[in-house]
N, C-alpha and C. Protein backbone atom coordinates (compact mmCIF):
# COMPACT_ATOMS: atom_id res chain seq x y z
N MET A 1 33.40 67.41 -79.61
CA MET A 1 34.17 66.48 -78.76
C MET A 1 34.19 65.26 -78.12
N ALA A 2 34.75 64.24 -78.78
CA ALA A 2 34.07 62.77 -78.34
C ALA A 2 33.74 62.76 -76.23
N LYS A 3 33.17 62.05 -75.96
CA LYS A 3 32.95 61.72 -74.62
C LYS A 3 33.09 60.86 -74.15
N ALA A 4 34.05 59.96 -74.01
CA ALA A 4 35.47 59.11 -73.42
C ALA A 4 34.70 58.30 -72.46
N LYS A 5 34.83 57.11 -72.30
CA LYS A 5 34.40 56.25 -70.95
C LYS A 5 35.63 57.09 -69.72
N PRO A 6 34.83 57.68 -68.05
CA PRO A 6 36.25 58.31 -67.65
C PRO A 6 37.01 56.71 -66.85
N ALA A 7 38.20 56.53 -66.71
CA ALA A 7 38.68 56.26 -66.03
C ALA A 7 38.48 55.60 -65.00
N PRO A 8 39.00 54.43 -64.00
CA PRO A 8 37.91 54.21 -62.77
C PRO A 8 38.86 54.72 -61.96
N ARG A 9 39.85 55.46 -61.61
CA ARG A 9 40.26 56.47 -61.17
C ARG A 9 39.72 57.60 -61.11
N ALA A 10 39.60 58.30 -61.98
CA ALA A 10 38.68 59.34 -62.37
C ALA A 10 37.27 59.63 -61.61
N VAL A 11 36.79 58.27 -61.88
CA VAL A 11 35.47 58.00 -61.27
C VAL A 11 35.11 57.77 -59.75
N VAL A 12 36.41 57.09 -59.32
CA VAL A 12 36.22 56.93 -58.03
C VAL A 12 36.72 58.33 -57.02
N ALA A 13 37.68 59.31 -57.86
CA ALA A 13 37.86 61.01 -56.89
C ALA A 13 36.52 61.22 -57.03
N TYR A 14 35.75 61.41 -58.07
CA TYR A 14 34.57 62.30 -58.56
C TYR A 14 34.09 61.44 -57.18
N ASP A 15 33.56 60.89 -57.34
CA ASP A 15 32.27 59.94 -56.46
C ASP A 15 33.05 59.91 -55.02
N SER A 16 33.93 60.53 -54.74
CA SER A 16 34.66 60.79 -53.77
C SER A 16 34.18 61.65 -52.99
N ILE A 17 34.50 62.82 -54.18
CA ILE A 17 33.87 64.35 -53.69
C ILE A 17 32.52 64.99 -53.77
N ALA A 18 32.03 63.77 -54.71
CA ALA A 18 30.51 63.98 -54.55
C ALA A 18 29.32 63.18 -53.29
N ALA A 19 30.05 62.31 -53.11
CA ALA A 19 29.66 61.79 -51.35
C ALA A 19 30.12 63.00 -50.57
N SER A 20 31.00 63.50 -50.38
CA SER A 20 31.55 64.51 -49.35
C SER A 20 30.77 65.67 -49.16
N MET A 21 31.09 65.85 -50.11
CA MET A 21 29.62 67.30 -49.82
C MET A 21 27.86 67.61 -50.89
N THR A 22 27.35 66.33 -51.31
CA THR A 22 26.23 65.84 -50.25
C THR A 22 25.83 65.75 -49.36
N LYS A 23 26.85 65.37 -48.73
CA LYS A 23 26.84 64.50 -47.50
C LYS A 23 27.26 65.72 -46.20
N LYS A 24 27.30 66.79 -46.74
CA LYS A 24 27.56 68.03 -45.98
C LYS A 24 25.96 68.79 -46.45
N GLY A 25 25.39 68.64 -47.32
CA GLY A 25 24.01 69.05 -47.49
C GLY A 25 23.97 70.36 -48.34
N GLY A 26 23.12 70.43 -48.63
CA GLY A 26 22.78 71.69 -50.09
C GLY A 26 23.44 71.73 -51.54
N VAL A 27 23.89 70.35 -51.65
CA VAL A 27 24.50 70.06 -52.51
C VAL A 27 23.79 68.79 -53.50
N GLU A 28 23.92 68.88 -54.77
CA GLU A 28 23.28 67.72 -55.19
C GLU A 28 24.07 66.79 -56.45
N ALA A 29 23.35 65.61 -56.55
CA ALA A 29 24.28 64.98 -57.39
C ALA A 29 23.21 64.77 -58.54
N SER A 30 23.50 65.28 -59.93
CA SER A 30 22.59 65.13 -61.00
C SER A 30 23.23 65.20 -62.32
N GLN A 31 23.05 65.66 -63.61
CA GLN A 31 23.75 65.10 -64.92
C GLN A 31 23.70 66.33 -65.63
N MET A 32 24.41 66.71 -66.36
CA MET A 32 24.60 67.99 -67.68
C MET A 32 25.18 67.63 -68.63
N PHE A 33 24.72 67.71 -69.59
CA PHE A 33 25.63 67.27 -71.15
C PHE A 33 26.00 65.60 -70.75
N GLY A 34 25.30 64.64 -70.21
CA GLY A 34 25.14 63.56 -70.22
C GLY A 34 26.63 63.25 -68.66
N MET A 35 26.81 63.84 -68.22
CA MET A 35 28.04 63.38 -67.66
C MET A 35 27.61 63.83 -66.06
N PRO A 36 27.89 63.18 -64.80
CA PRO A 36 27.72 63.35 -63.63
C PRO A 36 28.24 64.77 -63.07
N THR A 37 27.38 65.45 -62.50
CA THR A 37 27.62 66.85 -62.39
C THR A 37 26.69 67.32 -60.91
N LEU A 38 27.49 68.13 -60.50
CA LEU A 38 27.43 68.33 -59.28
C LEU A 38 26.39 70.05 -58.96
N LYS A 39 25.39 69.96 -57.94
CA LYS A 39 24.50 71.31 -58.41
C LYS A 39 24.47 71.49 -56.89
N VAL A 40 24.47 73.17 -56.97
CA VAL A 40 24.11 73.89 -55.64
C VAL A 40 22.45 74.62 -56.38
N LYS A 41 21.52 74.62 -55.61
CA LYS A 41 21.04 75.99 -55.81
C LYS A 41 20.00 75.54 -57.03
N GLY A 42 20.03 74.32 -57.51
CA GLY A 42 19.89 73.92 -58.83
C GLY A 42 20.53 74.63 -60.17
N LYS A 43 21.55 74.88 -59.79
CA LYS A 43 22.97 75.72 -60.68
C LYS A 43 23.64 74.53 -60.65
N ALA A 44 24.87 73.58 -61.46
CA ALA A 44 25.84 73.32 -61.82
C ALA A 44 27.20 73.77 -61.48
N PHE A 45 27.36 73.13 -61.36
CA PHE A 45 29.24 73.95 -60.31
C PHE A 45 30.45 73.42 -60.89
N ALA A 46 30.08 71.75 -60.88
CA ALA A 46 31.59 70.73 -61.39
C ALA A 46 30.77 69.47 -62.16
N GLY A 47 31.86 69.10 -62.90
CA GLY A 47 31.31 67.86 -63.44
C GLY A 47 32.03 66.42 -63.65
N LEU A 48 32.35 65.46 -63.96
CA LEU A 48 33.33 64.86 -64.95
C LEU A 48 33.11 64.41 -65.87
N PHE A 49 34.19 64.68 -66.79
CA PHE A 49 34.24 64.67 -68.10
C PHE A 49 35.40 63.66 -68.96
N ASN A 50 34.81 62.73 -68.86
CA ASN A 50 36.23 61.58 -69.45
C ASN A 50 37.19 62.03 -68.33
N ASP A 51 38.54 62.07 -68.44
CA ASP A 51 39.17 61.80 -67.40
C ASP A 51 39.10 62.83 -66.48
N ALA A 52 38.78 64.23 -66.37
CA ALA A 52 38.38 65.36 -66.27
C ALA A 52 37.42 66.13 -65.17
N MET A 53 37.89 66.88 -64.15
CA MET A 53 36.95 67.61 -63.68
C MET A 53 36.48 68.77 -64.25
N VAL A 54 35.25 69.19 -64.78
CA VAL A 54 35.25 70.51 -64.86
C VAL A 54 34.87 71.39 -63.89
N PHE A 55 35.09 72.79 -63.26
CA PHE A 55 34.39 73.51 -62.94
C PHE A 55 33.84 75.25 -63.22
N LYS A 56 32.89 75.30 -62.14
CA LYS A 56 32.36 76.93 -62.99
C LYS A 56 33.55 77.53 -61.98
N LEU A 57 34.22 78.69 -62.32
CA LEU A 57 35.31 79.16 -61.40
C LEU A 57 35.21 80.60 -62.37
N LYS A 58 35.79 81.88 -61.15
CA LYS A 58 35.30 83.30 -61.34
C LYS A 58 36.84 83.60 -60.85
N GLY A 59 37.66 84.66 -61.46
CA GLY A 59 38.29 85.37 -60.91
C GLY A 59 39.69 84.65 -60.78
N VAL A 60 40.53 84.85 -59.10
CA VAL A 60 41.41 84.57 -59.61
C VAL A 60 41.47 82.61 -59.23
N HIS A 61 40.02 81.62 -58.44
CA HIS A 61 40.06 80.15 -58.78
C HIS A 61 40.56 80.24 -60.45
N HIS A 62 39.73 80.75 -60.92
CA HIS A 62 39.67 80.26 -62.64
C HIS A 62 40.77 80.79 -63.06
N ALA A 63 41.61 81.74 -63.17
CA ALA A 63 42.74 82.08 -63.28
C ALA A 63 44.06 80.66 -63.00
N ALA A 64 43.73 80.45 -61.72
CA ALA A 64 44.25 79.03 -60.86
C ALA A 64 44.43 77.90 -62.00
N ALA A 65 42.91 77.70 -62.26
CA ALA A 65 42.76 76.09 -62.84
C ALA A 65 43.14 76.27 -63.90
N LEU A 66 42.94 77.50 -64.68
CA LEU A 66 43.81 77.66 -65.92
C LEU A 66 44.91 77.25 -65.77
N ALA A 67 45.80 78.15 -64.86
CA ALA A 67 47.34 77.79 -65.11
C ALA A 67 47.83 76.17 -65.03
N LEU A 68 46.99 75.22 -64.18
CA LEU A 68 47.68 73.97 -64.13
C LEU A 68 48.12 73.42 -65.07
N ALA A 69 48.96 72.43 -65.53
CA ALA A 69 49.20 71.99 -66.94
C ALA A 69 48.36 70.83 -66.87
N GLY A 70 47.64 71.45 -68.73
CA GLY A 70 46.46 70.81 -68.99
C GLY A 70 45.14 70.84 -69.21
N ALA A 71 45.03 72.07 -68.21
CA ALA A 71 44.20 72.49 -68.02
C ALA A 71 43.52 73.27 -69.39
N LYS A 72 41.86 73.08 -69.71
CA LYS A 72 41.73 74.22 -70.06
C LYS A 72 40.40 74.86 -70.33
N LEU A 73 40.29 75.54 -71.13
CA LEU A 73 38.51 76.26 -70.72
C LEU A 73 37.48 74.81 -71.46
N PHE A 74 36.34 74.30 -70.71
CA PHE A 74 35.47 73.33 -71.22
C PHE A 74 35.00 73.76 -72.15
N ASP A 75 34.88 72.59 -73.42
CA ASP A 75 34.50 72.93 -74.59
C ASP A 75 34.27 71.63 -75.12
N PRO A 76 32.52 71.06 -74.47
CA PRO A 76 32.06 69.99 -74.29
C PRO A 76 31.50 69.36 -75.88
N MET A 77 30.92 71.01 -76.88
CA MET A 77 30.69 70.25 -78.04
C MET A 77 31.43 70.47 -79.37
N GLY A 78 32.37 71.11 -78.62
CA GLY A 78 34.03 71.39 -80.33
C GLY A 78 33.88 72.65 -80.63
N GLY A 79 33.91 73.96 -80.36
CA GLY A 79 34.31 75.23 -81.25
C GLY A 79 33.42 76.35 -80.45
N ARG A 80 33.22 75.69 -79.01
CA ARG A 80 32.26 76.88 -78.19
C ARG A 80 32.85 76.54 -76.78
N PRO A 81 33.80 76.89 -76.50
CA PRO A 81 34.10 77.12 -74.74
C PRO A 81 33.44 77.89 -74.35
N MET A 82 33.28 77.19 -72.66
CA MET A 82 32.53 78.04 -72.22
C MET A 82 33.60 78.31 -70.86
N LYS A 83 33.54 80.15 -71.09
CA LYS A 83 34.59 80.90 -70.69
C LYS A 83 34.43 81.18 -69.15
N GLU A 84 33.14 80.58 -68.74
CA GLU A 84 33.47 80.14 -66.66
C GLU A 84 34.21 78.72 -66.62
N TRP A 85 34.16 78.00 -67.29
CA TRP A 85 34.15 76.84 -67.18
C TRP A 85 35.57 75.99 -67.39
N VAL A 86 36.57 75.47 -66.44
CA VAL A 86 37.66 74.94 -66.82
C VAL A 86 37.74 73.29 -66.58
N GLN A 87 38.26 72.89 -67.64
CA GLN A 87 38.80 71.32 -67.50
C GLN A 87 40.15 71.28 -66.95
N VAL A 88 39.95 69.73 -65.65
CA VAL A 88 41.27 70.08 -65.02
C VAL A 88 41.97 68.80 -65.13
N PRO A 89 42.40 68.33 -66.07
CA PRO A 89 42.79 67.19 -65.97
C PRO A 89 43.19 66.20 -64.89
N MET A 90 43.08 64.62 -64.70
CA MET A 90 43.52 63.80 -64.23
C MET A 90 44.17 64.11 -63.32
N LYS A 91 45.45 64.25 -64.17
CA LYS A 91 46.57 64.72 -62.78
C LYS A 91 46.97 65.60 -62.20
N HIS A 92 46.19 66.30 -62.19
CA HIS A 92 45.76 67.31 -61.05
C HIS A 92 44.82 67.29 -59.78
N GLU A 93 44.15 65.93 -59.36
CA GLU A 93 42.83 65.10 -59.08
C GLU A 93 43.44 65.73 -57.64
N SER A 94 44.26 66.10 -57.13
CA SER A 94 44.56 66.26 -56.20
C SER A 94 44.25 67.86 -55.58
N ALA A 95 44.27 68.65 -56.70
CA ALA A 95 43.46 70.03 -56.50
C ALA A 95 41.90 70.15 -56.79
N TRP A 96 41.36 68.85 -57.48
CA TRP A 96 40.06 69.11 -57.05
C TRP A 96 39.22 68.95 -56.28
N VAL A 97 39.82 68.78 -55.01
CA VAL A 97 38.48 69.24 -53.95
C VAL A 97 38.64 70.86 -53.25
N LYS A 98 39.67 71.08 -53.70
CA LYS A 98 39.89 72.67 -53.43
C LYS A 98 38.87 73.17 -54.56
N LEU A 99 38.92 73.01 -55.74
CA LEU A 99 38.50 73.72 -56.98
C LEU A 99 37.15 73.23 -56.71
N ALA A 100 36.66 71.96 -56.80
CA ALA A 100 34.79 71.63 -55.87
C ALA A 100 34.41 72.43 -55.53
N GLU A 101 34.89 73.17 -54.12
CA GLU A 101 34.70 73.99 -53.33
C GLU A 101 34.75 75.59 -53.56
N SER A 102 35.66 75.87 -54.28
CA SER A 102 35.49 77.00 -54.91
C SER A 102 34.15 77.78 -55.74
N ALA A 103 34.13 76.24 -56.71
CA ALA A 103 33.02 76.52 -57.34
C ALA A 103 31.55 76.48 -56.59
N ARG A 104 31.60 75.00 -55.96
CA ARG A 104 30.35 75.60 -55.12
C ARG A 104 30.38 77.06 -54.68
N ASP A 105 31.04 77.61 -54.18
CA ASP A 105 31.08 78.84 -53.21
C ASP A 105 30.41 80.11 -54.33
N TYR A 106 31.29 80.24 -55.63
CA TYR A 106 31.10 80.73 -56.80
C TYR A 106 29.27 80.64 -57.52
N VAL A 107 28.98 79.55 -57.33
CA VAL A 107 27.84 79.48 -58.14
C VAL A 107 26.55 79.55 -56.91
N SER A 108 26.86 79.38 -55.38
CA SER A 108 25.73 79.45 -54.71
C SER A 108 25.49 81.14 -54.32
N LYS A 109 26.68 81.50 -54.06
CA LYS A 109 26.34 83.38 -54.35
C LYS A 109 25.68 84.08 -55.05
N GLY A 110 25.20 83.18 -56.43
CA GLY A 110 25.10 84.31 -57.43
C GLY A 110 23.61 84.09 -58.20
């Protein structure tokens, strides 16, 4: 899967989420697969990939994210989807904050 430069709107939305979550503490901004990533306790839980955000989710939150039109399992290398990670397109950016919070909560418990 080719990595494209994210649209400015996607970057602004991601940066806003990142700033809010890091400001509250416990969350750090980092990199994974060459993409901006958010981590808690050193473990990634969300990131910006092309014009989508990706979230590590489980259970009902995973199912709800996958149910969004255009959402799919995250497959950064092509051919090996990451079963807990959901890629949610920019058209659902209004859901990104809640998904990031759910992902943070899931990963911080692990």
